[in-house]
Amino acid sequence: MQKFHIKKNDVVVVITGSHKGKQGKILEIRSNKNRAVVEGVAMMKKHLKKSTENPQGKIAEREGSIHVSNLMLLSRYEKSGRAKKSAAMAKA
């Protein structure tokens, strides 16, 4: 079992990638692939076939996974200068 700087139910911020700046709670950690599932981040669409539960079929949205190196604890993010820089850039 590998040790990570984050764990389940921590609030994290995405620091790089297309979801940069988004934050959410960790729902699951997949240690075999070094990835984490964060609530409300990296949403994916999954097409479901017709079944007894979904007589019409449907397109369901669910969270995708993000590599743990792209995540930072919210408390550590706020202490660092990153939060201040990103807020200043948003105003400009």
PDB file of N, CA and C in Angstrom:
ATOM      1  N   MET A   1       0.843  -1.186   0.000  1.00  0.00           N
ATOM      2  CA  MET A   1       0.000   0.000   0.000  1.00  0.00           C
ATOM      3  C   MET A   1       0.881   1.240   0.000  1.00  0.00           C
ATOM      4  N   GLN A   2       0.600   2.121  -0.905  1.00  0.00           N
ATOM      5  CA  GLN A   2       1.388   3.332  -1.057  1.00  0.00           C
ATOM      6  C   GLN A   2       0.813   4.447  -0.187  1.00  0.00           C
ATOM      7  N   LYS A   3       1.650   5.340   0.295  1.00  0.00           N
ATOM      8  CA  LYS A   3       1.206   6.453   1.126  1.00  0.00           C
ATOM      9  C   LYS A   3       1.120   7.722   0.286  1.00  0.00           C
ATOM     10  N   PHE A   4       0.024   8.472   0.448  1.00  0.00           N
ATOM     11  CA  PHE A   4      -0.199   9.699  -0.303  1.00  0.00           C
ATOM     12  C   PHE A   4      -0.294  10.885   0.646  1.00  0.00           C
ATOM     13  N   HIS A   5      -0.172  12.079   0.107  1.00  0.00           N
ATOM     14  CA  HIS A   5      -0.287  13.297   0.902  1.00  0.00           C
ATOM     15  C   HIS A   5      -1.740  13.688   1.136  1.00  0.00           C
ATOM     16  N   ILE A   6      -2.674  12.953   0.544  1.00  0.00           N
ATOM     17  CA  ILE A   6      -4.100  13.209   0.715  1.00  0.00           C
ATOM     18  C   ILE A   6      -4.784  11.912   1.115  1.00  0.00           C
ATOM     19  N   LYS A   7      -5.976  12.018   1.678  1.00  0.00           N
ATOM     20  CA  LYS A   7      -6.739  10.831   2.026  1.00  0.00           C
ATOM     21  C   LYS A   7      -8.220  11.092   1.796  1.00  0.00           C
ATOM     22  N   LYS A   8      -9.021  10.059   1.920  1.00  0.00           N
ATOM     23  CA  LYS A   8     -10.454  10.151   1.684  1.00  0.00           C
ATOM     24  C   LYS A   8     -11.076  11.198   2.615  1.00  0.00           C
ATOM     25  N   ASN A   9     -12.042  11.942   2.086  1.00  0.00           N
ATOM     26  CA  ASN A   9     -12.782  13.006   2.789  1.00  0.00           C
ATOM     27  C   ASN A   9     -11.984  14.289   3.002  1.00  0.00           C
ATOM     28  N   ASP A  10     -10.753  14.389   2.504  1.00  0.00           N
ATOM     29  CA  ASP A  10     -10.012  15.657   2.542  1.00  0.00           C
ATOM     30  C   ASP A  10     -10.584  16.595   1.485  1.00  0.00           C
ATOM     31  N   VAL A  11     -10.513  17.900   1.759  1.00  0.00           N
ATOM     32  CA  VAL A  11     -10.905  18.896   0.756  1.00  0.00           C
ATOM     33  C   VAL A  11      -9.634  19.320   0.036  1.00  0.00           C
ATOM     34  N   VAL A  12      -9.644  19.198  -1.299  1.00  0.00           N
ATOM     35  CA  VAL A  12      -8.451  19.470  -2.100  1.00  0.00           C
ATOM     36  C   VAL A  12      -8.755  20.475  -3.201  1.00  0.00           C
ATOM     37  N   VAL A  13      -7.680  21.017  -3.773  1.00  0.00           N
ATOM     38  CA  VAL A  13      -7.750  21.937  -4.909  1.00  0.00           C
ATOM     39  C   VAL A  13      -6.940  21.329  -6.042  1.00  0.00           C
ATOM     40  N   VAL A  14      -7.449  21.432  -7.271  1.00  0.00           N
ATOM     41  CA  VAL A  14      -6.705  20.978  -8.444  1.00  0.00           C
ATOM     42  C   VAL A  14      -5.735  22.099  -8.807  1.00  0.00           C
ATOM     43  N   ILE A  15      -4.434  21.782  -8.871  1.00  0.00           N
ATOM     44  CA  ILE A  15      -3.429  22.818  -9.089  1.00  0.00           C
ATOM     45  C   ILE A  15      -2.920  22.879 -10.523  1.00  0.00           C
ATOM     46  N   THR A  16      -3.160  21.848 -11.328  1.00  0.00           N
ATOM     47  CA  THR A  16      -2.742  21.874 -12.728  1.00  0.00           C
ATOM     48  C   THR A  16      -3.772  21.161 -13.589  1.00  0.00           C
ATOM     49  N   GLY A  17      -3.709  21.413 -14.883  1.00  0.00           N
ATOM     50  CA  GLY A  17      -4.588  20.719 -15.810  1.00  0.00           C
ATOM     51  C   GLY A  17      -5.810  21.539 -16.171  1.00  0.00           C
ATOM     52  N   SER A  18      -6.724  20.931 -16.894  1.00  0.00           N
ATOM     53  CA  SER A  18      -7.892  21.636 -17.395  1.00  0.00           C
ATOM     54  C   SER A  18      -8.895  21.987 -16.304  1.00  0.00           C
ATOM     55  N   HIS A  19      -8.788  21.370 -15.142  1.00  0.00           N
ATOM     56  CA  HIS A  19      -9.700  21.643 -14.031  1.00  0.00           C
ATOM     57  C   HIS A  19      -9.030  22.482 -12.949  1.00  0.00           C
ATOM     58  N   LYS A  20      -7.986  23.196 -13.312  1.00  0.00           N
ATOM     59  CA  LYS A  20      -7.204  23.990 -12.368  1.00  0.00           C
ATOM     60  C   LYS A  20      -8.088  24.978 -11.613  1.00  0.00           C
ATOM     61  N   GLY A  21      -7.909  25.027 -10.295  1.00  0.00           N
ATOM     62  CA  GLY A  21      -8.650  25.956  -9.450  1.00  0.00           C
ATOM     63  C   GLY A  21      -9.912  25.380  -8.849  1.00  0.00           C
ATOM     64  N   LYS A  22     -10.423  24.279  -9.371  1.00  0.00           N
ATOM     65  CA  LYS A  22     -11.626  23.669  -8.815  1.00  0.00           C
ATOM     66  C   LYS A  22     -11.270  22.947  -7.519  1.00  0.00           C
ATOM     67  N   GLN A  23     -12.240  22.893  -6.620  1.00  0.00           N
ATOM     68  CA  GLN A  23     -11.996  22.208  -5.367  1.00  0.00           C
ATOM     69  C   GLN A  23     -13.161  21.302  -5.019  1.00  0.00           C
ATOM     70  N   GLY A  24     -12.893  20.297  -4.203  1.00  0.00           N
ATOM     71  CA  GLY A  24     -13.926  19.353  -3.806  1.00  0.00           C
ATOM     72  C   GLY A  24     -13.380  18.359  -2.806  1.00  0.00           C
ATOM     73  N   LYS A  25     -14.271  17.500  -2.331  1.00  0.00           N
ATOM     74  CA  LYS A  25     -13.918  16.485  -1.341  1.00  0.00           C
ATOM     75  C   LYS A  25     -13.521  15.197  -2.055  1.00  0.00           C
ATOM     76  N   ILE A  26     -12.533  14.503  -1.534  1.00  0.00           N
ATOM     77  CA  ILE A  26     -12.088  13.246  -2.133  1.00  0.00           C
ATOM     78  C   ILE A  26     -13.074  12.146  -1.770  1.00  0.00           C
ATOM     79  N   LEU A  27     -13.624  11.492  -2.789  1.00  0.00           N
ATOM     80  CA  LEU A  27     -14.572  10.413  -2.592  1.00  0.00           C
ATOM     81  C   LEU A  27     -13.881   9.057  -2.526  1.00  0.00           C
ATOM     82  N   GLU A  28     -12.787   8.918  -3.281  1.00  0.00           N
ATOM     83  CA  GLU A  28     -12.129   7.612  -3.391  1.00  0.00           C
ATOM     84  C   GLU A  28     -10.687   7.824  -3.836  1.00  0.00           C
ATOM     85  N   ILE A  29      -9.795   6.956  -3.339  1.00  0.00           N
ATOM     86  CA  ILE A  29      -8.408   6.974  -3.803  1.00  0.00           C
ATOM     87  C   ILE A  29      -8.115   5.615  -4.428  1.00  0.00           C
ATOM     88  N   ARG A  30      -7.597   5.651  -5.650  1.00  0.00           N
ATOM     89  CA  ARG A  30      -7.227   4.424  -6.369  1.00  0.00           C
ATOM     90  C   ARG A  30      -5.712   4.317  -6.338  1.00  0.00           C
ATOM     91  N   SER A  31      -5.203   3.635  -5.316  1.00  0.00           N
ATOM     92  CA  SER A  31      -3.760   3.611  -5.064  1.00  0.00           C
ATOM     93  C   SER A  31      -2.985   2.845  -6.128  1.00  0.00           C
ATOM     94  N   ASN A  32      -3.609   1.884  -6.788  1.00  0.00           N
ATOM     95  CA  ASN A  32      -2.885   1.126  -7.809  1.00  0.00           C
ATOM     96  C   ASN A  32      -2.545   1.975  -9.032  1.00  0.00           C
ATOM     97  N   LYS A  33      -3.313   3.053  -9.273  1.00  0.00           N
ATOM     98  CA  LYS A  33      -3.042   3.927 -10.416  1.00  0.00           C
ATOM     99  C   LYS A  33      -2.624   5.337 -10.001  1.00  0.00           C
ATOM    100  N   ASN A  34      -2.457   5.588  -8.702  1.00  0.00           N
ATOM    101  CA  ASN A  34      -2.076   6.907  -8.166  1.00  0.00           C
ATOM    102  C   ASN A  34      -3.082   7.983  -8.557  1.00  0.00           C
ATOM    103  N   ARG A  35      -4.366   7.665  -8.490  1.00  0.00           N
ATOM    104  CA  ARG A  35      -5.404   8.608  -8.890  1.00  0.00           C
ATOM    105  C   ARG A  35      -6.445   8.744  -7.786  1.00  0.00           C
ATOM    106  N   ALA A  36      -7.175   9.861  -7.805  1.00  0.00           N
ATOM    107  CA  ALA A  36      -8.219  10.119  -6.825  1.00  0.00           C
ATOM    108  C   ALA A  36      -9.472  10.621  -7.532  1.00  0.00           C
ATOM    109  N   VAL A  37     -10.630  10.300  -6.966  1.00  0.00           N
ATOM    110  CA  VAL A  37     -11.903  10.779  -7.480  1.00  0.00           C
ATOM    111  C   VAL A  37     -12.337  11.922  -6.569  1.00  0.00           C
ATOM    112  N   VAL A  38     -12.517  13.117  -7.156  1.00  0.00           N
ATOM    113  CA  VAL A  38     -12.872  14.315  -6.401  1.00  0.00           C
ATOM    114  C   VAL A  38     -14.293  14.721  -6.757  1.00  0.00           C
ATOM    115  N   GLU A  39     -15.078  15.032  -5.741  1.00  0.00           N
ATOM    116  CA  GLU A  39     -16.485  15.382  -5.914  1.00  0.00           C
ATOM    117  C   GLU A  39     -16.644  16.643  -6.761  1.00  0.00           C
ATOM    118  N   GLY A  40     -17.393  16.535  -7.859  1.00  0.00           N
ATOM    119  CA  GLY A  40     -17.692  17.683  -8.708  1.00  0.00           C
ATOM    120  C   GLY A  40     -16.593  18.101  -9.664  1.00  0.00           C
ATOM    121  N   VAL A  41     -15.513  17.347  -9.753  1.00  0.00           N
ATOM    122  CA  VAL A  41     -14.389  17.702 -10.623  1.00  0.00           C
ATOM    123  C   VAL A  41     -14.195  16.590 -11.653  1.00  0.00           C
ATOM    124  N   ALA A  42     -13.834  16.954 -12.870  1.00  0.00           N
ATOM    125  CA  ALA A  42     -13.568  16.000 -13.965  1.00  0.00           C
ATOM    126  C   ALA A  42     -14.803  15.152 -14.268  1.00  0.00           C
ATOM    127  N   MET A  43     -15.935  15.810 -14.434  1.00  0.00           N
ATOM    128  CA  MET A  43     -17.186  15.102 -14.701  1.00  0.00           C
ATOM    129  C   MET A  43     -17.139  14.449 -16.092  1.00  0.00           C
ATOM    130  N   MET A  44     -17.612  13.204 -16.145  1.00  0.00           N
ATOM    131  CA  MET A  44     -17.649  12.433 -17.383  1.00  0.00           C
ATOM    132  C   MET A  44     -19.087  12.021 -17.663  1.00  0.00           C
ATOM    133  N   LYS A  45     -19.401  11.804 -18.921  1.00  0.00           N
ATOM    134  CA  LYS A  45     -20.727  11.315 -19.287  1.00  0.00           C
ATOM    135  C   LYS A  45     -20.620   9.832 -19.627  1.00  0.00           C
ATOM    136  N   LYS A  46     -21.564   9.046 -19.099  1.00  0.00           N
ATOM    137  CA  LYS A  46     -21.597   7.616 -19.377  1.00  0.00           C
ATOM    138  C   LYS A  46     -22.964   7.281 -19.960  1.00  0.00           C
ATOM    139  N   HIS A  47     -22.961   6.664 -21.128  1.00  0.00           N
ATOM    140  CA  HIS A  47     -24.203   6.306 -21.792  1.00  0.00           C
ATOM    141  C   HIS A  47     -24.664   4.946 -21.273  1.00  0.00           C
ATOM    142  N   LEU A  48     -25.893   4.897 -20.756  1.00  0.00           N
ATOM    143  CA  LEU A  48     -26.448   3.669 -20.198  1.00  0.00           C
ATOM    144  C   LEU A  48     -27.487   3.082 -21.148  1.00  0.00           C
ATOM    145  N   LYS A  49     -27.422   1.764 -21.322  1.00  0.00           N
ATOM    146  CA  LYS A  49     -28.375   1.081 -22.193  1.00  0.00           C
ATOM    147  C   LYS A  49     -29.750   1.031 -21.542  1.00  0.00           C
ATOM    148  N   LYS A  50     -30.750   0.734 -22.337  1.00  0.00           N
ATOM    149  CA  LYS A  50     -32.091   0.550 -21.806  1.00  0.00           C
ATOM    150  C   LYS A  50     -32.092  -0.657 -20.867  1.00  0.00           C
ATOM    151  N   SER A  51     -32.784  -0.517 -19.730  1.00  0.00           N
ATOM    152  CA  SER A  51     -32.882  -1.608 -18.770  1.00  0.00           C
ATOM    153  C   SER A  51     -34.153  -1.413 -17.957  1.00  0.00           C
ATOM    154  N   THR A  52     -34.368  -2.276 -16.986  1.00  0.00           N
ATOM    155  CA  THR A  52     -35.560  -2.118 -16.150  1.00  0.00           C
ATOM    156  C   THR A  52     -35.457  -0.856 -15.291  1.00  0.00           C
ATOM    157  N   GLU A  53     -34.251  -0.487 -14.880  1.00  0.00           N
ATOM    158  CA  GLU A  53     -34.053   0.735 -14.099  1.00  0.00           C
ATOM    159  C   GLU A  53     -34.210   1.979 -14.972  1.00  0.00           C
ATOM    160  N   ASN A  54     -33.725   1.912 -16.209  1.00  0.00           N
ATOM    161  CA  ASN A  54     -33.779   3.035 -17.148  1.00  0.00           C
ATOM    162  C   ASN A  54     -34.478   2.586 -18.422  1.00  0.00           C
ATOM    163  N   PRO A  55     -35.818   2.623 -18.451  1.00  0.00           N
ATOM    164  CA  PRO A  55     -36.522   2.131 -19.645  1.00  0.00           C
ATOM    165  C   PRO A  55     -36.191   2.913 -20.916  1.00  0.00           C
ATOM    166  N   GLN A  56     -35.849   4.186 -20.792  1.00  0.00           N
ATOM    167  CA  GLN A  56     -35.496   4.988 -21.956  1.00  0.00           C
ATOM    168  C   GLN A  56     -33.995   4.974 -22.229  1.00  0.00           C
ATOM    169  N   GLY A  57     -33.208   4.480 -21.255  1.00  0.00           N
ATOM    170  CA  GLY A  57     -31.765   4.651 -21.344  1.00  0.00           C
ATOM    171  C   GLY A  57     -31.459   6.066 -20.909  1.00  0.00           C
ATOM    172  N   LYS A  58     -30.223   6.377 -20.612  1.00  0.00           N
ATOM    173  CA  LYS A  58     -29.914   7.755 -20.228  1.00  0.00           C
ATOM    174  C   LYS A  58     -28.419   8.017 -20.314  1.00  0.00           C
ATOM    175  N   ILE A  59     -28.090   9.285 -20.221  1.00  0.00           N
ATOM    176  CA  ILE A  59     -26.694   9.708 -20.170  1.00  0.00           C
ATOM    177  C   ILE A  59     -26.449  10.183 -18.746  1.00  0.00           C
ATOM    178  N   ALA A  60     -25.655   9.426 -18.006  1.00  0.00           N
ATOM    179  CA  ALA A  60     -25.384   9.749 -16.611  1.00  0.00           C
ATOM    180  C   ALA A  60     -24.048  10.465 -16.500  1.00  0.00           C
ATOM    181  N   GLU A  61     -23.979  11.443 -15.591  1.00  0.00           N
ATOM    182  CA  GLU A  61     -22.722  12.140 -15.340  1.00  0.00           C
ATOM    183  C   GLU A  61     -22.127  11.612 -14.050  1.00  0.00           C
ATOM    184  N   ARG A  62     -20.819  11.382 -14.058  1.00  0.00           N
ATOM    185  CA  ARG A  62     -20.128  10.930 -12.857  1.00  0.00           C
ATOM    186  C   ARG A  62     -18.722  11.510 -12.844  1.00  0.00           C
ATOM    187  N   GLU A  63     -18.082  11.438 -11.686  1.00  0.00           N
ATOM    188  CA  GLU A  63     -16.742  11.997 -11.545  1.00  0.00           C
ATOM    189  C   GLU A  63     -15.701  11.062 -12.166  1.00  0.00           C
ATOM    190  N   GLY A  64     -14.734  11.652 -12.843  1.00  0.00           N
ATOM    191  CA  GLY A  64     -13.592  10.911 -13.345  1.00  0.00           C
ATOM    192  C   GLY A  64     -12.477  11.001 -12.315  1.00  0.00           C
ATOM    193  N   SER A  65     -11.351  10.412 -12.603  1.00  0.00           N
ATOM    194  CA  SER A  65     -10.237  10.435 -11.644  1.00  0.00           C
ATOM    195  C   SER A  65      -9.172  11.438 -12.080  1.00  0.00           C
ATOM    196  N   ILE A  66      -8.421  11.919 -11.099  1.00  0.00           N
ATOM    197  CA  ILE A  66      -7.348  12.884 -11.324  1.00  0.00           C
ATOM    198  C   ILE A  66      -6.094  12.341 -10.650  1.00  0.00           C
ATOM    199  N   HIS A  67      -4.953  12.517 -11.276  1.00  0.00           N
ATOM    200  CA  HIS A  67      -3.699  12.054 -10.691  1.00  0.00           C
ATOM    201  C   HIS A  67      -3.420  12.818  -9.400  1.00  0.00           C
ATOM    202  N   VAL A  68      -2.945  12.120  -8.378  1.00  0.00           N
ATOM    203  CA  VAL A  68      -2.751  12.753  -7.063  1.00  0.00           C
ATOM    204  C   VAL A  68      -1.706  13.858  -7.090  1.00  0.00           C
ATOM    205  N   SER A  69      -0.786  13.839  -8.040  1.00  0.00           N
ATOM    206  CA  SER A  69       0.218  14.894  -8.123  1.00  0.00           C
ATOM    207  C   SER A  69      -0.393  16.228  -8.545  1.00  0.00           C
ATOM    208  N   ASN A  70      -1.604  16.208  -9.095  1.00  0.00           N
ATOM    209  CA  ASN A  70      -2.276  17.427  -9.514  1.00  0.00           C
ATOM    210  C   ASN A  70      -3.195  17.989  -8.434  1.00  0.00           C
ATOM    211  N   LEU A  71      -3.171  17.400  -7.236  1.00  0.00           N
ATOM    212  CA  LEU A  71      -4.042  17.823  -6.149  1.00  0.00           C
ATOM    213  C   LEU A  71      -3.231  18.354  -4.979  1.00  0.00           C
ATOM    214  N   MET A  72      -3.822  19.328  -4.253  1.00  0.00           N
ATOM    215  CA  MET A  72      -3.184  19.888  -3.059  1.00  0.00           C
ATOM    216  C   MET A  72      -4.264  20.110  -2.012  1.00  0.00           C
ATOM    217  N   LEU A  73      -3.936  19.844  -0.758  1.00  0.00           N
ATOM    218  CA  LEU A  73      -4.876  20.098   0.323  1.00  0.00           C
ATOM    219  C   LEU A  73      -5.277  21.567   0.331  1.00  0.00           C
ATOM    220  N   LEU A  74      -6.539  21.848   0.584  1.00  0.00           N
ATOM    221  CA  LEU A  74      -7.037  23.224   0.566  1.00  0.00           C
ATOM    222  C   LEU A  74      -6.333  24.076   1.617  1.00  0.00           C
ATOM    223  N   SER A  75      -6.098  23.533   2.799  1.00  0.00           N
ATOM    224  CA  SER A  75      -5.434  24.299   3.862  1.00  0.00           C
ATOM    225  C   SER A  75      -4.019  24.686   3.454  1.00  0.00           C
ATOM    226  N   ARG A  76      -3.300  23.786   2.833  1.00  0.00           N
ATOM    227  CA  ARG A  76      -1.939  24.069   2.371  1.00  0.00           C
ATOM    228  C   ARG A  76      -1.955  25.048   1.197  1.00  0.00           C
ATOM    229  N   TYR A  77      -2.965  24.938   0.339  1.00  0.00           N
ATOM    230  CA  TYR A  77      -3.111  25.826  -0.822  1.00  0.00           C
ATOM    231  C   TYR A  77      -3.337  27.268  -0.368  1.00  0.00           C
ATOM    232  N   GLU A  78      -4.171  27.444   0.655  1.00  0.00           N
ATOM    233  CA  GLU A  78      -4.462  28.789   1.150  1.00  0.00           C
ATOM    234  C   GLU A  78      -3.258  29.420   1.840  1.00  0.00           C
ATOM    235  N   LYS A  79      -2.426  28.610   2.499  1.00  0.00           N
ATOM    236  CA  LYS A  79      -1.223  29.124   3.158  1.00  0.00           C
ATOM    237  C   LYS A  79      -0.156  29.527   2.149  1.00  0.00           C
ATOM    238  N   SER A  80      -0.116  28.833   1.019  1.00  0.00           N
ATOM    239  CA  SER A  80       0.890  29.137   0.002  1.00  0.00           C
ATOM    240  C   SER A  80       0.496  30.401  -0.757  1.00  0.00           C
ATOM    241  N   GLY A  81       1.367  30.900  -1.571  1.00  0.00           N
ATOM    242  CA  GLY A  81       1.084  32.092  -2.356  1.00  0.00           C
ATOM    243  C   GLY A  81       0.216  31.822  -3.562  1.00  0.00           C
ATOM    244  N   ARG A  82      -0.069  30.557  -3.863  1.00  0.00           N
ATOM    245  CA  ARG A  82      -0.837  30.208  -5.061  1.00  0.00           C
ATOM    246  C   ARG A  82      -2.240  30.800  -5.043  1.00  0.00           C
ATOM    247  N   ALA A  83      -2.905  30.759  -3.897  1.00  0.00           N
ATOM    248  CA  ALA A  83      -4.283  31.246  -3.806  1.00  0.00           C
ATOM    249  C   ALA A  83      -4.343  32.741  -4.077  1.00  0.00           C
ATOM    250  N   LYS A  84      -3.378  33.476  -3.572  1.00  0.00           N
ATOM    251  CA  LYS A  84      -3.363  34.918  -3.756  1.00  0.00           C
ATOM    252  C   LYS A  84      -3.057  35.280  -5.214  1.00  0.00           C
ATOM    253  N   LYS A  85      -2.142  34.535  -5.839  1.00  0.00           N
ATOM    254  CA  LYS A  85      -1.787  34.797  -7.229  1.00  0.00           C
ATOM    255  C   LYS A  85      -2.968  34.549  -8.146  1.00  0.00           C
ATOM    256  N   SER A  86      -3.682  33.444  -7.945  1.00  0.00           N
ATOM    257  CA  SER A  86      -4.798  33.103  -8.815  1.00  0.00           C
ATOM    258  C   SER A  86      -5.956  34.093  -8.636  1.00  0.00           C
ATOM    259  N   ALA A  87      -6.164  34.589  -7.427  1.00  0.00           N
ATOM    260  CA  ALA A  87      -7.221  35.577  -7.199  1.00  0.00           C
ATOM    261  C   ALA A  87      -6.860  36.910  -7.868  1.00  0.00           C
ATOM    262  N   ALA A  88      -5.601  37.294  -7.831  1.00  0.00           N
ATOM    263  CA  ALA A  88      -5.158  38.526  -8.469  1.00  0.00           C
ATOM    264  C   ALA A  88      -5.254  38.425  -9.988  1.00  0.00           C
ATOM    265  N   MET A  89      -4.942  37.261 -10.542  1.00  0.00           N
ATOM    266  CA  MET A  89      -5.017  37.074 -11.988  1.00  0.00           C
ATOM    267  C   MET A  89      -6.468  37.080 -12.459  1.00  0.00           C
ATOM    268  N   ALA A  90      -7.391  36.613 -11.625  1.00  0.00           N
ATOM    269  CA  ALA A  90      -8.807  36.585 -12.008  1.00  0.00           C
ATOM    270  C   ALA A  90      -9.367  38.003 -12.102  1.00  0.00           C
ATOM    271  N   LYS A  91      -8.870  38.908 -11.257  1.00  0.00           N
ATOM    272  CA  LYS A  91      -9.343  40.289 -11.274  1.00  0.00           C
ATOM    273  C   LYS A  91      -8.828  41.046 -12.500  1.00  0.00           C
ATOM    274  N   ALA A  92      -7.619  40.704 -12.952  1.00  0.00           N
ATOM    275  CA  ALA A  92      -6.992  41.419 -14.079  1.00  0.00           C
ATOM    276  C   ALA A  92      -7.568  41.055 -15.415  1.00  0.00           C
TER     277      ALA A  92
END
